Amino acid sequence: MGRWRPPAQASTALITRAGHDRLKTELDDLWRVQRPEVVRALAAAAAEGDRSENAEYTYRKKQLGGIDRRVRYLSKRLEVLRVVDTAPSDRDAVFFGARIILERISDGVELVYRIVGPDETDAPLGHISIDSPLARALLKKRADDELQVELPTGPTAFVIVDVQYD
């Protein structure tokens, strides 16, 4: 079996203002703080002599490679992202940036989600990607609409209780 994998599906290039600022801060921290520290530690490890058996040197090389990969990714990604910081004209329908309160029909549990860009998803906070099956099913729906979504756990029915924008 080879190492080839099909290319990943292109993700939506939308992001909230807070998410964009967070990515810029991360890039700045990686480039100005973390990378120089790792380079100094790598130079110190290299000065210790034989690099073939130097675990610190090997670790720092891998760490530097990881930082450089993330810096390269963030630099390219920030160029193509489009910041969405205004609410849509129809504030009653679900669009990017909406905070949605859903009720799962099977057990009546209320769930709160916010539709954000794929670069800022955070499950514990309820931030779901606009590319996710649930977000795709929610788009353009309104309060009191019912929907059926095919989730990894199986088909699930929801009712939209409320749609809000910050």
C-alpha atoms as a PDB file:
ATOM      1  CA  MET A   1       0.000   0.000   0.000  1.00  0.00           C
ATOM      2  CA  GLY A   2       1.398   3.385  -0.976  1.00  0.00           C
ATOM      3  CA  ARG A   3       1.473   6.636   0.892  1.00  0.00           C
ATOM      4  CA  TRP A   4      -0.629   8.502  -1.682  1.00  0.00           C
ATOM      5  CA  ARG A   5      -3.755  10.123  -0.346  1.00  0.00           C
ATOM      6  CA  PRO A   6      -6.362  11.969  -2.360  1.00  0.00           C
ATOM      7  CA  PRO A   7      -6.127  15.747  -2.000  1.00  0.00           C
ATOM      8  CA  ALA A   8      -8.239  17.220   0.758  1.00  0.00           C
ATOM      9  CA  GLN A   9     -11.418  18.963  -0.247  1.00  0.00           C
ATOM     10  CA  ALA A  10     -10.923  22.715  -0.491  1.00  0.00           C
ATOM     11  CA  SER A  11     -12.266  24.429   2.597  1.00  0.00           C
ATOM     12  CA  THR A  12     -14.302  27.595   2.585  1.00  0.00           C
ATOM     13  CA  ALA A  13     -12.136  30.711   2.838  1.00  0.00           C
ATOM     14  CA  LEU A  14     -14.365  32.581   5.291  1.00  0.00           C
ATOM     15  CA  ILE A  15     -13.393  33.590   8.810  1.00  0.00           C
ATOM     16  CA  THR A  16     -14.703  35.831  11.568  1.00  0.00           C
ATOM     17  CA  ARG A  17     -12.741  38.912  12.665  1.00  0.00           C
ATOM     18  CA  ALA A  18     -11.855  37.238  16.002  1.00  0.00           C
ATOM     19  CA  GLY A  19     -10.645  34.092  14.225  1.00  0.00           C
ATOM     20  CA  HIS A  20      -8.527  36.114  11.799  1.00  0.00           C
ATOM     21  CA  ASP A  21      -6.944  38.074  14.643  1.00  0.00           C
ATOM     22  CA  ARG A  22      -6.224  34.816  16.492  1.00  0.00           C
ATOM     23  CA  LEU A  23      -4.448  33.322  13.447  1.00  0.00           C
ATOM     24  CA  LYS A  24      -2.395  36.506  12.932  1.00  0.00           C
ATOM     25  CA  THR A  25      -1.398  36.453  16.614  1.00  0.00           C
ATOM     26  CA  GLU A  26      -0.387  32.800  16.343  1.00  0.00           C
ATOM     27  CA  LEU A  27       1.716  33.507  13.243  1.00  0.00           C
ATOM     28  CA  ASP A  28       3.408  36.452  14.941  1.00  0.00           C
ATOM     29  CA  ASP A  29       4.123  34.384  18.075  1.00  0.00           C
ATOM     30  CA  LEU A  30       5.551  31.500  16.050  1.00  0.00           C
ATOM     31  CA  TRP A  31       7.771  33.767  13.959  1.00  0.00           C
ATOM     32  CA  ARG A  32       8.963  36.272  16.569  1.00  0.00           C
ATOM     33  CA  VAL A  33       8.995  34.252  19.811  1.00  0.00           C
ATOM     34  CA  GLN A  34       8.980  30.481  19.401  1.00  0.00           C
ATOM     35  CA  ARG A  35      11.149  30.127  16.294  1.00  0.00           C
ATOM     36  CA  PRO A  36      14.072  32.225  17.631  1.00  0.00           C
ATOM     37  CA  GLU A  37      13.996  30.247  20.915  1.00  0.00           C
ATOM     38  CA  VAL A  38      14.126  26.929  19.055  1.00  0.00           C
ATOM     39  CA  VAL A  39      16.918  28.179  16.769  1.00  0.00           C
ATOM     40  CA  ARG A  40      18.988  29.198  19.817  1.00  0.00           C
ATOM     41  CA  ALA A  41      18.381  25.823  21.479  1.00  0.00           C
ATOM     42  CA  LEU A  42      19.255  24.043  18.208  1.00  0.00           C
ATOM     43  CA  ALA A  43      22.511  25.959  17.903  1.00  0.00           C
ATOM     44  CA  ALA A  44      23.385  25.083  21.509  1.00  0.00           C
ATOM     45  CA  ALA A  45      22.611  21.398  20.884  1.00  0.00           C
ATOM     46  CA  ALA A  46      24.680  21.416  17.680  1.00  0.00           C
ATOM     47  CA  ALA A  47      27.628  22.890  19.564  1.00  0.00           C
ATOM     48  CA  GLU A  48      27.685  19.864  21.881  1.00  0.00           C
ATOM     49  CA  GLY A  49      29.446  17.769  19.291  1.00  0.00           C
ATOM     50  CA  ASP A  50      28.346  14.534  17.597  1.00  0.00           C
ATOM     51  CA  ARG A  51      24.906  15.191  16.125  1.00  0.00           C
ATOM     52  CA  SER A  52      24.129  11.595  15.201  1.00  0.00           C
ATOM     53  CA  GLU A  53      23.558  10.584  18.826  1.00  0.00           C
ATOM     54  CA  ASN A  54      22.346  13.932  20.124  1.00  0.00           C
ATOM     55  CA  ALA A  55      18.665  13.574  21.098  1.00  0.00           C
ATOM     56  CA  GLU A  56      18.323  17.279  21.890  1.00  0.00           C
ATOM     57  CA  TYR A  57      19.583  18.200  18.415  1.00  0.00           C
ATOM     58  CA  THR A  58      17.163  15.759  16.732  1.00  0.00           C
ATOM     59  CA  TYR A  59      14.244  17.003  18.833  1.00  0.00           C
ATOM     60  CA  ARG A  60      14.974  20.659  18.089  1.00  0.00           C
ATOM     61  CA  LYS A  61      15.295  19.957  14.330  1.00  0.00           C
ATOM     62  CA  LYS A  62      11.854  18.314  14.340  1.00  0.00           C
ATOM     63  CA  GLN A  63      10.418  21.141  16.434  1.00  0.00           C
ATOM     64  CA  LEU A  64      11.830  23.741  14.040  1.00  0.00           C
ATOM     65  CA  GLY A  65      10.384  21.844  11.071  1.00  0.00           C
ATOM     66  CA  GLY A  66       6.937  21.833  12.721  1.00  0.00           C
ATOM     67  CA  ILE A  67       7.103  25.566  13.400  1.00  0.00           C
ATOM     68  CA  ASP A  68       8.222  26.283   9.840  1.00  0.00           C
ATOM     69  CA  ARG A  69       5.389  24.153   8.397  1.00  0.00           C
ATOM     70  CA  ARG A  70       2.794  25.982  10.516  1.00  0.00           C
ATOM     71  CA  VAL A  71       4.271  29.399   9.596  1.00  0.00           C
ATOM     72  CA  ARG A  72       4.168  28.493   5.898  1.00  0.00           C
ATOM     73  CA  TYR A  73       0.558  27.261   6.176  1.00  0.00           C
ATOM     74  CA  LEU A  74      -0.628  30.329   8.110  1.00  0.00           C
ATOM     75  CA  SER A  75       1.151  32.734   5.744  1.00  0.00           C
ATOM     76  CA  LYS A  76      -0.545  31.207   2.714  1.00  0.00           C
ATOM     77  CA  ARG A  77      -3.921  30.740   4.398  1.00  0.00           C
ATOM     78  CA  LEU A  78      -4.163  34.305   5.730  1.00  0.00           C
ATOM     79  CA  GLU A  79      -3.705  35.618   2.179  1.00  0.00           C
ATOM     80  CA  VAL A  80      -6.825  33.836   0.883  1.00  0.00           C
ATOM     81  CA  LEU A  81      -9.141  34.182   3.876  1.00  0.00           C
ATOM     82  CA  ARG A  82     -11.999  36.648   3.647  1.00  0.00           C
ATOM     83  CA  VAL A  83     -13.073  38.247   6.915  1.00  0.00           C
ATOM     84  CA  VAL A  84     -16.837  38.393   7.446  1.00  0.00           C
ATOM     85  CA  ASP A  85     -17.609  40.864  10.204  1.00  0.00           C
ATOM     86  CA  THR A  86     -21.082  42.069   9.245  1.00  0.00           C
ATOM     87  CA  ALA A  87     -24.413  40.385   9.857  1.00  0.00           C
ATOM     88  CA  PRO A  88     -26.488  39.451   6.794  1.00  0.00           C
ATOM     89  CA  SER A  89     -29.406  41.624   5.741  1.00  0.00           C
ATOM     90  CA  ASP A  90     -31.850  38.812   6.594  1.00  0.00           C
ATOM     91  CA  ARG A  91     -31.089  38.278  10.291  1.00  0.00           C
ATOM     92  CA  ASP A  92     -33.868  35.690  10.699  1.00  0.00           C
ATOM     93  CA  ALA A  93     -32.161  33.094   8.477  1.00  0.00           C
ATOM     94  CA  VAL A  94     -29.050  31.042   9.244  1.00  0.00           C
ATOM     95  CA  PHE A  95     -25.873  32.249   7.532  1.00  0.00           C
ATOM     96  CA  PHE A  96     -22.157  32.435   8.353  1.00  0.00           C
ATOM     97  CA  GLY A  97     -21.531  33.767  11.862  1.00  0.00           C
ATOM     98  CA  ALA A  98     -24.973  32.821  13.197  1.00  0.00           C
ATOM     99  CA  ARG A  99     -25.457  31.449  16.698  1.00  0.00           C
ATOM    100  CA  ILE A 100     -28.181  28.813  16.480  1.00  0.00           C
ATOM    101  CA  ILE A 101     -30.148  27.193  19.278  1.00  0.00           C
ATOM    102  CA  LEU A 102     -31.361  23.752  18.193  1.00  0.00           C
ATOM    103  CA  GLU A 103     -33.611  21.249  19.897  1.00  0.00           C
ATOM    104  CA  ARG A 104     -32.943  17.588  19.172  1.00  0.00           C
ATOM    105  CA  ILE A 105     -36.404  16.117  18.542  1.00  0.00           C
ATOM    106  CA  SER A 106     -35.594  12.615  19.851  1.00  0.00           C
ATOM    107  CA  ASP A 107     -34.881  13.730  23.436  1.00  0.00           C
ATOM    108  CA  GLY A 108     -35.634  17.472  23.630  1.00  0.00           C
ATOM    109  CA  VAL A 109     -32.044  18.470  24.418  1.00  0.00           C
ATOM    110  CA  GLU A 110     -31.147  22.036  23.434  1.00  0.00           C
ATOM    111  CA  LEU A 111     -27.808  22.589  21.677  1.00  0.00           C
ATOM    112  CA  VAL A 112     -26.114  25.889  20.851  1.00  0.00           C
ATOM    113  CA  TYR A 113     -23.830  26.175  17.834  1.00  0.00           C
ATOM    114  CA  ARG A 114     -22.087  29.004  16.027  1.00  0.00           C
ATOM    115  CA  ILE A 115     -21.218  28.684  12.342  1.00  0.00           C
ATOM    116  CA  VAL A 116     -17.614  29.760  11.763  1.00  0.00           C
ATOM    117  CA  GLY A 117     -14.842  29.165   9.236  1.00  0.00           C
ATOM    118  CA  PRO A 118     -12.979  25.839   9.100  1.00  0.00           C
ATOM    119  CA  ASP A 119      -9.862  27.454  10.625  1.00  0.00           C
ATOM    120  CA  GLU A 120     -11.634  28.379  13.856  1.00  0.00           C
ATOM    121  CA  THR A 121     -13.796  25.370  14.706  1.00  0.00           C
ATOM    122  CA  ASP A 122     -13.864  24.456  18.391  1.00  0.00           C
ATOM    123  CA  ALA A 123     -16.232  21.676  19.458  1.00  0.00           C
ATOM    124  CA  PRO A 124     -16.189  22.436  23.219  1.00  0.00           C
ATOM    125  CA  LEU A 125     -17.273  26.026  22.468  1.00  0.00           C
ATOM    126  CA  GLY A 126     -19.919  24.872  19.966  1.00  0.00           C
ATOM    127  CA  HIS A 127     -18.144  26.470  16.993  1.00  0.00           C
ATOM    128  CA  ILE A 128     -18.811  24.327  13.925  1.00  0.00           C
ATOM    129  CA  SER A 129     -17.332  24.726  10.465  1.00  0.00           C
ATOM    130  CA  ILE A 130     -19.502  26.080   7.694  1.00  0.00           C
ATOM    131  CA  ASP A 131     -18.282  23.027   5.732  1.00  0.00           C
ATOM    132  CA  SER A 132     -19.752  20.555   8.264  1.00  0.00           C
ATOM    133  CA  PRO A 133     -22.872  18.535   7.367  1.00  0.00           C
ATOM    134  CA  LEU A 134     -24.874  20.153  10.181  1.00  0.00           C
ATOM    135  CA  ALA A 135     -23.962  23.702   9.133  1.00  0.00           C
ATOM    136  CA  ARG A 136     -24.716  22.941   5.474  1.00  0.00           C
ATOM    137  CA  ALA A 137     -28.152  21.629   6.456  1.00  0.00           C
ATOM    138  CA  LEU A 138     -28.821  24.714   8.613  1.00  0.00           C
ATOM    139  CA  LEU A 139     -27.958  27.339   5.989  1.00  0.00           C
ATOM    140  CA  LYS A 140     -30.921  29.526   4.951  1.00  0.00           C
ATOM    141  CA  LYS A 141     -33.248  27.889   7.491  1.00  0.00           C
ATOM    142  CA  ARG A 142     -35.267  29.954   9.975  1.00  0.00           C
ATOM    143  CA  ALA A 143     -36.582  29.626  13.518  1.00  0.00           C
ATOM    144  CA  ASP A 144     -39.203  26.852  13.914  1.00  0.00           C
ATOM    145  CA  ASP A 145     -37.919  25.012  10.800  1.00  0.00           C
ATOM    146  CA  GLU A 146     -37.363  21.271  11.189  1.00  0.00           C
ATOM    147  CA  LEU A 147     -34.459  19.513   9.535  1.00  0.00           C
ATOM    148  CA  GLN A 148     -33.046  16.016   9.250  1.00  0.00           C
ATOM    149  CA  VAL A 149     -29.246  15.728   9.201  1.00  0.00           C
ATOM    150  CA  GLU A 150     -27.070  12.702   8.488  1.00  0.00           C
ATOM    151  CA  LEU A 151     -24.484  12.829  11.295  1.00  0.00           C
ATOM    152  CA  PRO A 152     -21.726  10.276  12.031  1.00  0.00           C
ATOM    153  CA  THR A 153     -24.000   8.865  14.766  1.00  0.00           C
ATOM    154  CA  GLY A 154     -26.853   8.438  12.280  1.00  0.00           C
ATOM    155  CA  PRO A 155     -29.767  10.514  11.019  1.00  0.00           C
ATOM    156  CA  THR A 156     -30.865  13.131  13.564  1.00  0.00           C
ATOM    157  CA  ALA A 157     -33.847  15.475  13.504  1.00  0.00           C
ATOM    158  CA  PHE A 158     -33.664  19.019  14.877  1.00  0.00           C
ATOM    159  CA  VAL A 159     -35.921  22.042  15.287  1.00  0.00           C
ATOM    160  CA  ILE A 160     -34.373  25.500  15.108  1.00  0.00           C
ATOM    161  CA  VAL A 161     -35.380  27.370  18.274  1.00  0.00           C
ATOM    162  CA  ASP A 162     -33.577  30.675  17.645  1.00  0.00           C
ATOM    163  CA  VAL A 163     -31.102  32.378  15.288  1.00  0.00           C
ATOM    164  CA  GLN A 164     -28.878  35.174  16.614  1.00  0.00           C
ATOM    165  CA  TYR A 165     -26.025  37.322  15.332  1.00  0.00           C
ATOM    166  CA  ASP A 166     -23.440  39.131  17.488  1.00  0.00           C
END
